[in-house]
Amino acid sequence: MTASPHVVVIGAGTLGMCTALNLVEQGARVTVLEAQSIASGSSGRSVGVVGSQLTDPFEIMLRVHSLRRFRQWEGEGLRFNHIGYLRLARTPAQMALFARSVEIQAEAGLRSRLIHANELRDLVPHINPDGLEGGLFGPDNGFLDPHEMCNFLAGIVRAKGGEIRQYRKLLGVERRPGGYTLETSGGSMDCYAVVNAAGAWAPQVAALFGQRVHIWPERHEAVVIHLDEPLGYTMPMVMDLVNGEGSGLNFRHEKPGELIAEIHKVNSIAPEDPDNYNEQCEEQSKVDLAELLLERVPDLPGARLGRGWAGLYPVTADHRPFVGPLDASEPTLITAAGAGGYGIQLAPVIGQIAADWVLRGAPVSVPGSQSLAPSAERNVLGH
């Protein structure tokens, strides 16, 4: 490897921009290729939640790495809205998992606490606690604007000498000694290594290299909720889903008098075409959402549903991201994609792991992250 290798990152969403930043910070020469504009894919349609209220120790550890970077960027000017994150529990077994999560997070330096059913209204006065055992609350979690995040990172990448080329579609690939020649809609370029961070388009990019990556673009919808008057408190992110169990309803503060809600349960029978899918929210989805909201927060002041939209979650068979080489014999072609609905919050650590693979040949800085490599056992059909 040359002292300052040229690395091309494909995709200017959160995963691509975080990868580019980690590479350029370590002295690589970086070019980001983006077929459209910065954050024009799944990142820009995300509701931007960053949370650590999970039950798996490895998943929490990944977020510890990410949250460290978010704190750094916040200090450098990235806006982060610390509204808190409340994950609801319906069973004593889920509460037991949450109690363990509090311990794991505390060991990692993160604040969280258990909320029992009779305390839920102290935190969210409008919540109906029927059928709930309680919840897990992280006061420091919150949300950010993904467009703002990608453009903020782009500014740093450019300031450190990296290039971002928008409206440059990858058209073809030629392998050559010591790297690749990439044919793009804006001419050709040579590079030492490539990171495929193309999100829902990652399978199309992989195909240009003669590889198959099994990432299923899954459509998810979000809707704005307008209130007649602002709440007297800030609504935290409220999530009714624990390891696949729950209604999938989630909602959060957006601005005074406005919430954003999403339904996490989807019934997609086929992967979506990222170039041609319904980007609007379907009426039936709004009906379903209204029913769930009436059940969980029945007395929101004059709540009515406003505009809705849809975005894509790039999902893998085991619902964990792919970070690493698809083919061990080609260690300079790295995939960083398939983070599903967790792309924003995992982007900083995925970028760190991807840069490790490019520059060091292994994910040395994040313990256990070898397990995220897209091995033959993981890179299979399914979602």
Protein backbone atom coordinates (compact mmCIF):
# COMPACT_ATOMS: atom_id res chain seq x y z
CA MET A 1 0.00 0.00 0.00
CA THR A 2 1.29 3.47 -0.85
CA ALA A 3 1.80 5.97 1.95
CA SER A 4 -1.29 7.97 0.92
CA PRO A 5 -3.57 5.56 -0.97
CA HIS A 6 -6.40 6.88 -3.11
CA VAL A 7 -9.69 5.46 -1.81
CA VAL A 8 -13.02 5.97 -3.55
CA VAL A 9 -16.13 5.85 -1.36
CA ILE A 10 -19.34 5.23 -3.28
CA GLY A 11 -22.32 6.97 -1.68
CA ALA A 12 -22.59 10.30 0.16
CA GLY A 13 -25.08 9.23 2.82
CA THR A 14 -24.17 8.94 6.49
CA LEU A 15 -22.18 5.68 6.10
CA GLY A 16 -20.23 6.99 3.11
CA MET A 17 -19.46 10.35 4.70
CA CYS A 18 -18.37 8.79 8.01
CA THR A 19 -16.13 6.34 6.13
CA ALA A 20 -14.62 9.18 4.08
CA LEU A 21 -13.95 11.20 7.22
CA ASN A 22 -12.24 8.30 9.03
CA LEU A 23 -10.07 7.63 5.96
CA VAL A 24 -9.06 11.23 5.37
CA GLU A 25 -8.25 11.69 9.09
CA GLN A 26 -5.76 8.83 8.75
CA GLY A 27 -4.00 10.29 5.75
CA ALA A 28 -5.73 8.59 2.82
CA ARG A 29 -6.58 10.54 -0.33
CA VAL A 30 -10.35 10.26 -0.59
CA THR A 31 -12.89 10.82 -3.32
CA VAL A 32 -16.60 10.35 -2.59
CA LEU A 33 -18.71 9.47 -5.64
CA GLU A 34 -22.43 10.21 -5.33
CA ALA A 35 -24.89 9.43 -8.14
CA GLN A 36 -27.27 12.17 -6.94
CA SER A 37 -26.65 14.76 -4.22
CA ILE A 38 -25.37 14.47 -0.64
CA ALA A 39 -27.89 12.59 1.58
CA SER A 40 -30.30 12.11 -1.34
CA GLY A 41 -30.93 8.40 -0.59
CA SER A 42 -32.12 6.70 2.61
CA SER A 43 -30.16 9.06 4.89
CA GLY A 44 -32.14 12.13 3.87
CA ARG A 45 -35.46 10.35 4.47
CA SER A 46 -34.57 9.13 7.94
CA VAL A 47 -36.13 10.50 11.13
CA GLY A 48 -32.57 10.82 12.45
CA VAL A 49 -32.85 9.09 15.81
CA VAL A 50 -29.69 8.24 17.76
CA GLY A 51 -30.27 5.91 20.70
CA SER A 52 -28.51 3.33 22.85
CA GLN A 53 -31.54 1.72 24.53
CA LEU A 54 -30.86 -1.81 23.34
CA THR A 55 -30.42 -5.17 25.07
CA ASP A 56 -27.49 -6.75 23.19
CA PRO A 57 -24.04 -5.92 24.69
CA PHE A 58 -22.31 -5.82 21.28
CA GLU A 59 -24.99 -3.49 19.84
CA ILE A 60 -24.59 -1.18 22.84
CA MET A 61 -20.79 -1.24 22.49
CA LEU A 62 -21.06 -0.19 18.83
CA ARG A 63 -23.17 2.79 19.87
CA VAL A 64 -20.65 3.78 22.55
CA HIS A 65 -18.14 4.28 19.71
CA SER A 66 -20.70 6.22 17.66
CA LEU A 67 -21.86 8.42 20.53
CA ARG A 68 -18.25 9.39 21.26
CA ARG A 69 -18.01 10.82 17.73
CA PHE A 70 -21.43 12.48 17.91
CA ARG A 71 -20.32 14.28 21.08
CA GLN A 72 -17.15 15.43 19.32
CA TRP A 73 -19.09 16.70 16.28
CA GLU A 74 -21.63 18.42 18.50
CA GLY A 75 -18.73 20.31 20.07
CA GLU A 76 -17.69 21.32 16.54
CA GLY A 77 -21.13 22.64 15.64
CA LEU A 78 -23.40 19.73 14.62
CA ARG A 79 -26.87 20.23 16.11
CA PHE A 80 -28.03 17.31 18.25
CA ASN A 81 -31.42 17.42 19.98
CA HIS A 82 -31.11 15.62 23.35
CA ILE A 83 -34.80 14.83 23.83
CA GLY A 84 -34.23 11.38 25.39
CA TYR A 85 -35.27 7.93 24.18
CA LEU A 86 -37.92 5.74 25.86
CA ARG A 87 -38.26 2.10 24.80
CA LEU A 88 -41.47 0.50 26.08
CA ALA A 89 -41.72 -2.94 27.70
CA ARG A 90 -44.83 -5.12 27.71
CA THR A 91 -43.57 -8.08 29.76
CA PRO A 92 -41.53 -8.74 32.92
CA ALA A 93 -39.01 -10.58 30.71
CA GLN A 94 -38.45 -7.41 28.69
CA MET A 95 -38.03 -5.40 31.89
CA ALA A 96 -35.38 -7.89 33.01
CA LEU A 97 -33.53 -7.33 29.70
CA PHE A 98 -33.83 -3.58 30.25
CA ALA A 99 -32.39 -3.86 33.78
CA ARG A 100 -29.37 -5.63 32.30
CA SER A 101 -29.11 -2.93 29.61
CA VAL A 102 -28.92 -0.25 32.32
CA GLU A 103 -25.95 -2.12 33.84
CA ILE A 104 -24.17 -2.56 30.49
CA GLN A 105 -24.71 1.07 29.54
CA ALA A 106 -23.50 2.26 32.96
CA GLU A 107 -20.29 0.24 32.54
CA ALA A 108 -19.82 2.01 29.19
CA GLY A 109 -20.40 5.44 30.70
CA LEU A 110 -23.93 5.93 29.29
CA ARG A 111 -26.86 7.16 31.37
CA SER A 112 -30.11 5.18 31.36
CA ARG A 113 -32.72 4.09 33.86
CA LEU A 114 -35.71 1.78 34.26
CA ILE A 115 -39.15 3.39 34.29
CA HIS A 116 -41.99 1.38 35.86
CA ALA A 117 -45.52 1.50 34.46
CA ASN A 118 -46.78 3.81 37.22
CA GLU A 119 -43.95 6.28 36.43
CA LEU A 120 -44.46 6.47 32.66
CA ARG A 121 -46.83 9.44 32.91
CA ASP A 122 -44.22 11.40 34.88
CA LEU A 123 -42.04 11.24 31.78
CA VAL A 124 -44.74 11.33 29.06
CA PRO A 125 -47.91 12.84 30.57
CA HIS A 126 -50.04 11.87 27.55
CA ILE A 127 -49.09 8.19 27.48
CA ASN A 128 -51.63 5.45 28.18
CA PRO A 129 -49.72 2.85 30.25
CA ASP A 130 -52.31 0.07 29.75
CA GLY A 131 -50.64 -3.20 28.79
CA LEU A 132 -47.17 -1.89 29.61
CA GLU A 133 -44.73 -3.06 32.29
CA GLY A 134 -42.60 0.05 31.98
CA GLY A 135 -39.68 1.18 29.88
CA LEU A 136 -36.00 1.94 29.45
CA PHE A 137 -35.08 5.62 29.24
CA GLY A 138 -31.86 7.27 28.08
CA PRO A 139 -31.94 11.02 28.76
CA ASP A 140 -28.94 11.84 26.55
CA ASN A 141 -30.22 10.16 23.38
CA GLY A 142 -32.08 12.16 20.77
CA PHE A 143 -32.18 13.07 17.09
CA LEU A 144 -30.39 15.10 14.46
CA ASP A 145 -31.05 16.24 10.91
CA PRO A 146 -29.39 13.68 8.58
CA HIS A 147 -29.01 16.22 5.72
CA GLU A 148 -27.27 18.55 8.11
CA MET A 149 -25.06 15.73 9.42
CA CYS A 150 -23.94 14.65 5.92
CA ASN A 151 -23.21 18.21 4.84
CA PHE A 152 -21.41 18.93 8.12
CA LEU A 153 -19.18 15.88 7.56
CA ALA A 154 -18.70 16.85 3.91
CA GLY A 155 -17.32 20.20 5.07
CA ILE A 156 -14.75 18.49 7.29
CA VAL A 157 -13.79 15.99 4.57
CA ARG A 158 -13.23 18.82 2.08
CA ALA A 159 -11.28 20.88 4.64
CA LYS A 160 -8.95 17.90 5.13
CA GLY A 161 -8.34 17.56 1.39
CA GLY A 162 -11.00 15.04 0.39
CA GLU A 163 -13.15 15.44 -2.72
CA ILE A 164 -16.90 14.92 -3.03
CA ARG A 165 -18.21 14.53 -6.54
CA GLN A 166 -21.98 14.73 -6.77
CA TYR A 167 -24.05 13.62 -9.77
CA ARG A 168 -21.32 11.13 -10.65
CA LYS A 169 -22.75 7.68 -11.29
CA LEU A 170 -20.47 4.65 -11.34
CA LEU A 171 -20.89 3.00 -14.76
CA GLY A 172 -18.15 0.37 -14.96
CA VAL A 173 -15.09 -1.07 -13.26
CA GLU A 174 -11.77 -2.37 -14.51
CA ARG A 175 -9.34 -4.14 -12.22
CA ARG A 176 -5.71 -3.24 -12.78
CA PRO A 177 -2.45 -4.00 -10.94
CA GLY A 178 -2.59 -2.15 -7.63
CA GLY A 179 -6.22 -1.16 -7.79
CA TYR A 180 -9.12 -0.17 -10.02
CA THR A 181 -10.08 2.11 -12.84
CA LEU A 182 -13.60 3.38 -12.30
CA GLU A 183 -15.69 4.61 -15.22
CA THR A 184 -18.12 7.29 -14.08
CA SER A 185 -20.62 9.59 -15.74
CA GLY A 186 -17.95 12.31 -15.29
CA GLY A 187 -14.94 10.43 -16.66
CA SER A 188 -12.62 7.74 -15.33
CA MET A 189 -10.41 7.63 -12.24
CA ASP A 190 -7.83 5.29 -10.77
CA CYS A 191 -7.79 4.24 -7.14
CA TYR A 192 -6.23 1.76 -4.75
CA ALA A 193 -9.36 0.75 -2.84
CA VAL A 194 -13.15 1.13 -3.05
CA VAL A 195 -15.77 1.27 -0.29
CA ASN A 196 -19.30 0.41 -1.39
CA ALA A 197 -21.45 2.58 0.90
CA ALA A 198 -24.30 2.91 -1.58
CA GLY A 199 -27.11 1.90 0.78
CA ALA A 200 -30.13 0.57 -1.11
CA TRP A 201 -28.03 0.74 -4.30
CA ALA A 202 -25.20 -1.37 -2.82
CA PRO A 203 -26.29 -4.52 -4.73
CA GLN A 204 -26.15 -2.61 -8.04
CA VAL A 205 -22.68 -1.27 -7.23
CA ALA A 206 -21.47 -4.74 -6.16
CA ALA A 207 -22.72 -6.17 -9.48
CA LEU A 208 -20.41 -3.79 -11.38
CA PHE A 209 -17.52 -5.51 -9.56
CA GLY A 210 -18.94 -8.96 -10.38
CA GLN A 211 -20.05 -9.50 -6.78
CA ARG A 212 -23.42 -10.23 -5.19
CA VAL A 213 -24.37 -8.54 -1.96
CA HIS A 214 -27.70 -9.55 -0.45
CA ILE A 215 -29.23 -6.33 0.84
CA TRP A 216 -33.00 -5.98 0.72
CA PRO A 217 -34.32 -2.40 0.30
CA GLU A 218 -37.34 -2.34 2.64
CA ARG A 219 -39.86 0.51 2.46
CA HIS A 220 -40.72 2.38 5.68
CA GLU A 221 -43.06 5.30 6.18
CA ALA A 222 -43.06 8.37 8.41
CA VAL A 223 -45.74 10.97 9.09
CA VAL A 224 -45.84 14.42 10.68
CA ILE A 225 -48.34 14.83 13.55
CA HIS A 226 -49.65 18.38 14.01
CA LEU A 227 -50.94 19.42 17.44
CA ASP A 228 -53.38 22.29 18.11
CA GLU A 229 -51.05 23.62 20.76
CA PRO A 230 -47.48 22.83 21.84
CA LEU A 231 -47.09 20.24 24.60
CA GLY A 232 -46.01 21.53 27.99
CA TYR A 233 -42.98 19.22 27.81
CA THR A 234 -40.63 17.78 25.18
CA MET A 235 -41.83 14.42 23.89
CA PRO A 236 -38.90 11.98 23.98
CA MET A 237 -38.47 9.37 21.28
CA VAL A 238 -41.00 6.69 22.28
CA MET A 239 -40.46 3.24 20.72
CA ASP A 240 -42.80 0.25 21.10
CA LEU A 241 -40.53 -2.50 19.81
CA VAL A 242 -38.16 -4.82 21.70
CA ASN A 243 -36.25 -7.40 19.65
CA GLY A 244 -39.08 -7.56 17.11
CA GLU A 245 -41.90 -7.66 19.71
CA GLY A 246 -44.38 -4.79 20.01
CA SER A 247 -46.54 -2.69 17.70
CA GLY A 248 -43.59 -0.98 15.98
CA LEU A 249 -45.10 2.43 16.73
CA ASN A 250 -42.58 5.17 17.44
CA PHE A 251 -42.92 8.92 17.68
CA ARG A 252 -40.86 11.88 18.85
CA HIS A 253 -40.74 15.64 19.22
CA GLU A 254 -39.85 17.50 16.01
CA LYS A 255 -40.61 21.10 17.03
CA PRO A 256 -43.20 22.82 19.24
CA GLY A 257 -46.65 21.64 18.16
CA GLU A 258 -45.25 18.96 15.87
CA LEU A 259 -44.28 15.30 16.29
CA ILE A 260 -42.96 12.75 13.81
CA ALA A 261 -44.18 9.14 13.88
CA GLU A 262 -43.10 5.98 12.10
CA ILE A 263 -44.44 2.44 11.93
CA HIS A 264 -41.61 -0.06 12.13
CA LYS A 265 -43.59 -3.16 11.16
CA VAL A 266 -43.67 -3.66 7.40
CA ASN A 267 -45.16 -6.32 5.16
CA SER A 268 -42.91 -6.11 2.12
CA ILE A 269 -43.07 -9.28 0.04
CA ALA A 270 -40.36 -8.18 -2.41
CA PRO A 271 -37.38 -5.84 -2.25
CA GLU A 272 -38.03 -2.31 -3.49
CA ASP A 273 -36.35 -0.81 -6.54
CA PRO A 274 -34.49 2.20 -5.10
CA ASP A 275 -34.84 4.02 -8.44
CA ASN A 276 -38.60 3.45 -8.62
CA TYR A 277 -40.60 3.02 -5.42
CA ASN A 278 -43.53 4.84 -3.84
CA GLU A 279 -41.97 7.72 -1.88
CA GLN A 280 -45.33 8.81 -0.46
CA CYS A 281 -47.12 7.51 2.63
CA GLU A 282 -50.09 5.29 1.78
CA GLU A 283 -53.50 6.20 3.19
CA GLN A 284 -53.93 2.81 4.86
CA SER A 285 -50.69 3.39 6.73
CA LYS A 286 -52.08 6.65 8.11
CA VAL A 287 -55.22 4.82 9.26
CA ASP A 288 -53.11 2.14 10.98
CA LEU A 289 -50.91 4.80 12.57
CA ALA A 290 -53.92 6.77 13.83
CA GLU A 291 -55.27 3.63 15.55
CA LEU A 292 -51.95 2.93 17.27
CA LEU A 293 -51.61 6.56 18.38
CA LEU A 294 -55.18 6.59 19.76
CA GLU A 295 -54.33 3.51 21.80
CA ARG A 296 -51.02 4.77 23.20
CA VAL A 297 -51.45 8.59 23.39
CA PRO A 298 -55.23 9.08 23.23
CA ASP A 299 -55.41 12.68 24.46
CA LEU A 300 -52.84 14.55 22.40
CA PRO A 301 -54.27 18.07 21.90
CA GLY A 302 -56.03 18.18 18.52
CA ALA A 303 -53.61 15.71 16.92
CA ARG A 304 -53.97 15.35 13.15
CA LEU A 305 -51.75 13.67 10.61
CA GLY A 306 -49.92 15.86 8.12
CA ARG A 307 -47.60 15.04 5.26
CA GLY A 308 -46.04 11.62 5.07
CA TRP A 309 -43.17 10.11 3.14
CA ALA A 310 -41.38 6.81 2.64
CA GLY A 311 -37.73 5.83 2.64
CA LEU A 312 -35.77 2.62 2.31
CA TYR A 313 -34.05 0.56 5.00
CA PRO A 314 -31.20 -1.45 3.41
CA VAL A 315 -31.68 -4.72 5.34
CA THR A 316 -29.49 -7.84 5.57
CA ALA A 317 -30.72 -11.37 6.32
CA ASP A 318 -29.63 -11.18 9.98
CA HIS A 319 -30.47 -7.45 10.38
CA ARG A 320 -26.86 -6.51 11.14
CA PRO A 321 -24.75 -4.33 8.84
CA PHE A 322 -22.14 -5.62 6.42
CA VAL A 323 -18.74 -4.02 7.08
CA GLY A 324 -15.74 -5.65 5.42
CA PRO A 325 -14.67 -7.41 2.21
CA LEU A 326 -17.17 -9.71 0.49
CA ASP A 327 -14.28 -11.74 -0.89
CA ALA A 328 -11.17 -12.31 1.24
CA SER A 329 -9.08 -12.53 -1.93
CA GLU A 330 -10.01 -8.91 -2.74
CA PRO A 331 -9.25 -7.02 0.49
CA THR A 332 -9.33 -3.56 -1.10
CA LEU A 333 -13.02 -3.79 -2.05
CA ILE A 334 -14.98 -3.12 1.15
CA THR A 335 -18.74 -3.14 1.69
CA ALA A 336 -20.20 -0.76 4.30
CA ALA A 337 -23.96 -1.10 3.93
CA GLY A 338 -27.08 -2.83 5.19
CA ALA A 339 -27.55 -1.05 8.52
CA GLY A 340 -31.33 -1.12 8.16
CA GLY A 341 -33.05 1.50 10.28
CA TYR A 342 -29.92 2.08 12.36
CA GLY A 343 -27.76 3.67 9.66
CA ILE A 344 -27.60 7.14 11.19
CA GLN A 345 -26.68 6.02 14.71
CA LEU A 346 -24.20 3.36 13.55
CA ALA A 347 -22.61 5.45 10.79
CA PRO A 348 -19.69 6.79 12.89
CA VAL A 349 -18.61 3.32 14.04
CA ILE A 350 -19.26 1.71 10.64
CA GLY A 351 -17.05 4.39 9.08
CA GLN A 352 -14.35 3.62 11.63
CA ILE A 353 -14.51 -0.14 10.94
CA ALA A 354 -14.56 0.33 7.15
CA ALA A 355 -11.49 2.58 7.32
CA ASP A 356 -9.73 -0.07 9.43
CA TRP A 357 -10.39 -2.68 6.74
CA VAL A 358 -9.03 -0.42 3.99
CA LEU A 359 -5.91 0.82 5.80
CA ARG A 360 -5.10 -2.05 8.17
CA GLY A 361 -6.71 -5.11 6.58
CA ALA A 362 -8.75 -5.87 9.71
CA PRO A 363 -11.18 -4.02 12.04
CA VAL A 364 -8.57 -3.48 14.76
CA SER A 365 -10.13 -0.51 16.59
CA VAL A 366 -13.54 -2.03 17.45
CA PRO A 367 -13.44 -5.33 19.38
CA GLY A 368 -15.67 -8.06 17.93
CA SER A 369 -16.47 -6.16 14.74
CA GLN A 370 -14.95 -8.92 12.58
CA SER A 371 -18.41 -10.48 13.05
CA LEU A 372 -19.88 -7.73 10.84
CA ALA A 373 -17.86 -8.84 7.80
CA PRO A 374 -20.17 -10.04 4.99
CA SER A 375 -19.10 -13.67 5.19
CA ALA A 376 -20.67 -16.37 2.99
CA GLU A 377 -22.78 -17.45 5.99
CA ARG A 378 -24.19 -13.92 6.44
CA ASN A 379 -24.41 -12.76 2.83
CA VAL A 380 -27.55 -14.74 2.02
CA LEU A 381 -31.06 -14.04 0.78
CA GLY A 382 -33.65 -13.07 3.33
CA HIS A 383 -34.71 -9.99 5.29
